[in-house]
């Protein structure tokens, strides 16, 4: 993990999150979730109201900095242990930013669920982009890899 690159990516994501407050004036927080395996990715965005409920936002393009999310993925990579499959970044109205990185769970089996199906090419790209030592691949990944006939 590269702390300097991580901070730069989070600052860029935070700036876009703050812009979302202009359109969602009553929002207390903006949450961005990116689920990715290789080249297959899904991005969701939510706004939290003052009662604490989260509403899914439809207009992502204006607020999502895709390059910053890609940079975040690379900044979190550690040789041998890989990078995350799901990243959650929450930007609060007061400027605080919280993160949660899930390096192990299948994004197709979490809440929210990544709805884009995995392909052999997606797994190949994950292996190439964010290689892990064999013992660090989660069981769901190993099972899917075997299903697709991909060698470890």
C-alpha atoms as a PDB file:
ATOM      1  CA  UNK A   1       0.000   0.000   0.000  1.00  0.00           C
ATOM      2  CA  UNK A   2       1.333   3.417  -0.936  1.00  0.00           C
ATOM      3  CA  UNK A   3       0.107   5.982   1.654  1.00  0.00           C
ATOM      4  CA  UNK A   4       0.931   9.030  -0.485  1.00  0.00           C
ATOM      5  CA  UNK A   5      -0.953   7.676  -3.525  1.00  0.00           C
ATOM      6  CA  UNK A   6      -3.797   6.588  -1.240  1.00  0.00           C
ATOM      7  CA  UNK A   7      -4.160  10.102   0.207  1.00  0.00           C
ATOM      8  CA  UNK A   8      -4.042  11.714  -3.249  1.00  0.00           C
ATOM      9  CA  UNK A   9      -6.761   9.389  -4.578  1.00  0.00           C
ATOM     10  CA  UNK A  10      -8.953   9.893  -1.490  1.00  0.00           C
ATOM     11  CA  UNK A  11      -8.613  13.682  -1.779  1.00  0.00           C
ATOM     12  CA  UNK A  12      -9.782  13.556  -5.420  1.00  0.00           C
ATOM     13  CA  UNK A  13     -12.712  11.284  -4.517  1.00  0.00           C
ATOM     14  CA  UNK A  14     -13.581  13.531  -1.582  1.00  0.00           C
ATOM     15  CA  UNK A  15     -13.665  16.625  -3.794  1.00  0.00           C
ATOM     16  CA  UNK A  16     -16.239  15.013  -6.074  1.00  0.00           C
ATOM     17  CA  UNK A  17     -18.205  13.789  -3.067  1.00  0.00           C
ATOM     18  CA  UNK A  18     -18.363  17.337  -1.742  1.00  0.00           C
ATOM     19  CA  UNK A  19     -19.740  18.489  -5.116  1.00  0.00           C
ATOM     20  CA  UNK A  20     -22.606  16.023  -4.682  1.00  0.00           C
ATOM     21  CA  UNK A  21     -23.721  17.982  -1.614  1.00  0.00           C
ATOM     22  CA  UNK A  22     -24.636  20.899  -3.902  1.00  0.00           C
ATOM     23  CA  UNK A  23     -27.275  18.757  -5.598  1.00  0.00           C
ATOM     24  CA  UNK A  24     -28.286  16.873  -2.451  1.00  0.00           C
ATOM     25  CA  UNK A  25     -28.501  19.752   0.018  1.00  0.00           C
ATOM     26  CA  UNK A  26     -30.113  17.712   2.790  1.00  0.00           C
ATOM     27  CA  UNK A  27     -27.509  14.936   2.601  1.00  0.00           C
ATOM     28  CA  UNK A  28     -25.418  14.384   5.690  1.00  0.00           C
ATOM     29  CA  UNK A  29     -23.004  12.056   3.886  1.00  0.00           C
ATOM     30  CA  UNK A  30     -22.264  10.699   0.418  1.00  0.00           C
ATOM     31  CA  UNK A  31     -21.169   7.064   0.101  1.00  0.00           C
ATOM     32  CA  UNK A  32     -19.404   5.670  -2.931  1.00  0.00           C
ATOM     33  CA  UNK A  33     -19.005   1.901  -3.344  1.00  0.00           C
ATOM     34  CA  UNK A  34     -16.861   0.367  -6.061  1.00  0.00           C
ATOM     35  CA  UNK A  35     -16.885  -3.389  -6.536  1.00  0.00           C
ATOM     36  CA  UNK A  36     -14.299  -4.748  -8.940  1.00  0.00           C
ATOM     37  CA  UNK A  37     -12.779  -8.031 -10.075  1.00  0.00           C
ATOM     38  CA  UNK A  38     -10.214  -7.499 -12.837  1.00  0.00           C
ATOM     39  CA  UNK A  39     -11.867  -5.398 -15.522  1.00  0.00           C
ATOM     40  CA  UNK A  40     -15.428  -5.996 -14.288  1.00  0.00           C
ATOM     41  CA  UNK A  41     -16.636  -3.186 -12.040  1.00  0.00           C
ATOM     42  CA  UNK A  42     -19.772  -1.630 -10.673  1.00  0.00           C
ATOM     43  CA  UNK A  43     -20.046   1.717  -8.907  1.00  0.00           C
ATOM     44  CA  UNK A  44     -22.898   2.742  -6.617  1.00  0.00           C
ATOM     45  CA  UNK A  45     -23.487   6.041  -4.861  1.00  0.00           C
ATOM     46  CA  UNK A  46     -25.768   6.873  -1.935  1.00  0.00           C
ATOM     47  CA  UNK A  47     -26.789   9.972   0.012  1.00  0.00           C
ATOM     48  CA  UNK A  48     -27.615   9.817   3.714  1.00  0.00           C
ATOM     49  CA  UNK A  49     -30.482  11.979   4.966  1.00  0.00           C
ATOM     50  CA  UNK A  50     -30.668  13.587   8.417  1.00  0.00           C
ATOM     51  CA  UNK A  51     -32.683  10.593   9.708  1.00  0.00           C
ATOM     52  CA  UNK A  52     -29.755   8.314   8.822  1.00  0.00           C
ATOM     53  CA  UNK A  53     -31.382   6.506   5.866  1.00  0.00           C
ATOM     54  CA  UNK A  54     -29.402   5.941   2.663  1.00  0.00           C
ATOM     55  CA  UNK A  55     -30.899   6.713  -0.766  1.00  0.00           C
ATOM     56  CA  UNK A  56     -29.303   5.379  -3.933  1.00  0.00           C
ATOM     57  CA  UNK A  57     -28.300   8.147  -6.331  1.00  0.00           C
ATOM     58  CA  UNK A  58     -28.817   7.752 -10.052  1.00  0.00           C
ATOM     59  CA  UNK A  59     -26.596  10.489 -11.495  1.00  0.00           C
ATOM     60  CA  UNK A  60     -23.085   9.195 -10.941  1.00  0.00           C
ATOM     61  CA  UNK A  61     -21.067  10.570 -13.856  1.00  0.00           C
ATOM     62  CA  UNK A  62     -20.966  14.103 -12.495  1.00  0.00           C
ATOM     63  CA  UNK A  63     -19.683  13.045  -9.103  1.00  0.00           C
ATOM     64  CA  UNK A  64     -17.605   9.930  -9.660  1.00  0.00           C
ATOM     65  CA  UNK A  65     -13.939  10.426 -10.429  1.00  0.00           C
ATOM     66  CA  UNK A  66     -13.186   7.112 -12.154  1.00  0.00           C
ATOM     67  CA  UNK A  67      -9.462   7.826 -12.442  1.00  0.00           C
ATOM     68  CA  UNK A  68      -9.271   8.519  -8.704  1.00  0.00           C
ATOM     69  CA  UNK A  69     -11.063   5.221  -8.014  1.00  0.00           C
ATOM     70  CA  UNK A  70      -8.600   3.386 -10.255  1.00  0.00           C
ATOM     71  CA  UNK A  71      -5.727   5.180  -8.507  1.00  0.00           C
ATOM     72  CA  UNK A  72      -7.210   4.144  -5.155  1.00  0.00           C
ATOM     73  CA  UNK A  73      -7.286   0.519  -6.290  1.00  0.00           C
ATOM     74  CA  UNK A  74      -3.602   0.658  -7.294  1.00  0.00           C
ATOM     75  CA  UNK A  75      -2.603   2.570  -4.145  1.00  0.00           C
ATOM     76  CA  UNK A  76      -4.103  -0.193  -1.994  1.00  0.00           C
ATOM     77  CA  UNK A  77      -2.204  -2.960  -3.768  1.00  0.00           C
ATOM     78  CA  UNK A  78       0.392  -4.847  -1.744  1.00  0.00           C
ATOM     79  CA  UNK A  79       2.538  -7.441  -3.537  1.00  0.00           C
ATOM     80  CA  UNK A  80       1.533 -10.935  -2.498  1.00  0.00           C
ATOM     81  CA  UNK A  81      -1.711  -9.861  -0.815  1.00  0.00           C
ATOM     82  CA  UNK A  82      -3.452  -8.063  -3.687  1.00  0.00           C
ATOM     83  CA  UNK A  83      -5.918  -5.210  -3.593  1.00  0.00           C
ATOM     84  CA  UNK A  84      -9.551  -4.860  -2.607  1.00  0.00           C
ATOM     85  CA  UNK A  85     -12.585  -6.308  -4.351  1.00  0.00           C
ATOM     86  CA  UNK A  86     -14.898  -3.724  -2.738  1.00  0.00           C
ATOM     87  CA  UNK A  87     -14.026  -0.189  -1.626  1.00  0.00           C
ATOM     88  CA  UNK A  88     -16.433   2.007   0.300  1.00  0.00           C
ATOM     89  CA  UNK A  89     -15.619   5.707   0.650  1.00  0.00           C
ATOM     90  CA  UNK A  90     -17.940   7.895   2.716  1.00  0.00           C
ATOM     91  CA  UNK A  91     -17.602  11.685   2.566  1.00  0.00           C
ATOM     92  CA  UNK A  92     -19.337  13.617   5.366  1.00  0.00           C
ATOM     93  CA  UNK A  93     -20.646  17.147   5.100  1.00  0.00           C
ATOM     94  CA  UNK A  94     -18.001  18.324   7.596  1.00  0.00           C
ATOM     95  CA  UNK A  95     -15.263  17.053   5.230  1.00  0.00           C
ATOM     96  CA  UNK A  96     -14.356  13.818   7.034  1.00  0.00           C
ATOM     97  CA  UNK A  97     -13.667  10.827   4.797  1.00  0.00           C
ATOM     98  CA  UNK A  98     -14.021   7.217   5.981  1.00  0.00           C
ATOM     99  CA  UNK A  99     -12.938   4.147   4.041  1.00  0.00           C
ATOM    100  CA  UNK A 100     -13.520   0.426   4.176  1.00  0.00           C
ATOM    101  CA  UNK A 101     -11.601  -1.944   1.901  1.00  0.00           C
ATOM    102  CA  UNK A 102     -12.667  -5.564   1.535  1.00  0.00           C
ATOM    103  CA  UNK A 103      -9.832  -7.706   0.166  1.00  0.00           C
ATOM    104  CA  UNK A 104     -11.542 -11.068   0.561  1.00  0.00           C
ATOM    105  CA  UNK A 105     -15.315 -11.135   0.067  1.00  0.00           C
ATOM    106  CA  UNK A 106     -16.939 -11.977  -3.246  1.00  0.00           C
ATOM    107  CA  UNK A 107     -18.602  -8.712  -4.379  1.00  0.00           C
ATOM    108  CA  UNK A 108     -21.386 -10.821  -5.916  1.00  0.00           C
ATOM    109  CA  UNK A 109     -22.283 -12.092  -2.421  1.00  0.00           C
ATOM    110  CA  UNK A 110     -22.161  -8.886  -0.364  1.00  0.00           C
ATOM    111  CA  UNK A 111     -24.620  -6.100   0.347  1.00  0.00           C
ATOM    112  CA  UNK A 112     -24.903  -4.362  -2.037  1.00  0.00           C
ATOM    113  CA  UNK A 113     -24.369  -7.072  -4.637  1.00  0.00           C
ATOM    114  CA  UNK A 114     -22.284  -6.606  -7.776  1.00  0.00           C
ATOM    115  CA  UNK A 115     -24.718  -7.591 -10.495  1.00  0.00           C
ATOM    116  CA  UNK A 116     -22.276  -7.812 -13.403  1.00  0.00           C
ATOM    117  CA  UNK A 117     -21.313 -11.463 -14.037  1.00  0.00           C
ATOM    118  CA  UNK A 118     -17.692 -12.524 -13.753  1.00  0.00           C
ATOM    119  CA  UNK A 119     -15.912 -13.825 -16.820  1.00  0.00           C
ATOM    120  CA  UNK A 120     -12.687 -15.788 -17.305  1.00  0.00           C
ATOM    121  CA  UNK A 121     -11.137 -12.591 -18.691  1.00  0.00           C
ATOM    122  CA  UNK A 122     -12.061 -10.659 -15.515  1.00  0.00           C
ATOM    123  CA  UNK A 123     -10.335 -13.241 -13.326  1.00  0.00           C
ATOM    124  CA  UNK A 124      -7.298 -13.306 -15.631  1.00  0.00           C
ATOM    125  CA  UNK A 125      -7.017  -9.524 -15.401  1.00  0.00           C
ATOM    126  CA  UNK A 126      -7.330  -9.610 -11.605  1.00  0.00           C
ATOM    127  CA  UNK A 127      -4.494 -12.150 -11.441  1.00  0.00           C
ATOM    128  CA  UNK A 128      -2.332 -10.002 -13.752  1.00  0.00           C
ATOM    129  CA  UNK A 129      -3.166  -6.615 -12.239  1.00  0.00           C
ATOM    130  CA  UNK A 130      -3.161  -7.484  -8.532  1.00  0.00           C
ATOM    131  CA  UNK A 131      -1.262 -10.764  -8.104  1.00  0.00           C
ATOM    132  CA  UNK A 132      -1.391 -12.541  -4.755  1.00  0.00           C
ATOM    133  CA  UNK A 133       0.460 -15.418  -3.238  1.00  0.00           C
ATOM    134  CA  UNK A 134      -1.681 -18.550  -3.654  1.00  0.00           C
ATOM    135  CA  UNK A 135      -2.623 -18.676   0.038  1.00  0.00           C
ATOM    136  CA  UNK A 136      -3.950 -15.100  -0.139  1.00  0.00           C
ATOM    137  CA  UNK A 137      -6.578 -15.744  -2.821  1.00  0.00           C
ATOM    138  CA  UNK A 138      -9.987 -16.130  -1.155  1.00  0.00           C
ATOM    139  CA  UNK A 139     -11.753 -19.489  -1.555  1.00  0.00           C
ATOM    140  CA  UNK A 140     -14.537 -18.043  -3.744  1.00  0.00           C
ATOM    141  CA  UNK A 141     -11.886 -16.772  -6.179  1.00  0.00           C
ATOM    142  CA  UNK A 142     -10.068 -20.109  -6.260  1.00  0.00           C
ATOM    143  CA  UNK A 143     -13.383 -21.899  -6.888  1.00  0.00           C
ATOM    144  CA  UNK A 144     -14.330 -19.535  -9.721  1.00  0.00           C
ATOM    145  CA  UNK A 145     -10.826 -19.798 -11.187  1.00  0.00           C
ATOM    146  CA  UNK A 146     -11.114 -23.624 -11.213  1.00  0.00           C
ATOM    147  CA  UNK A 147     -14.615 -23.369 -12.753  1.00  0.00           C
ATOM    148  CA  UNK A 148     -13.123 -21.387 -15.624  1.00  0.00           C
ATOM    149  CA  UNK A 149     -10.197 -23.807 -15.987  1.00  0.00           C
ATOM    150  CA  UNK A 150      -7.609 -21.152 -15.092  1.00  0.00           C
ATOM    151  CA  UNK A 151      -4.390 -22.507 -13.574  1.00  0.00           C
ATOM    152  CA  UNK A 152      -3.160 -21.077 -10.264  1.00  0.00           C
END
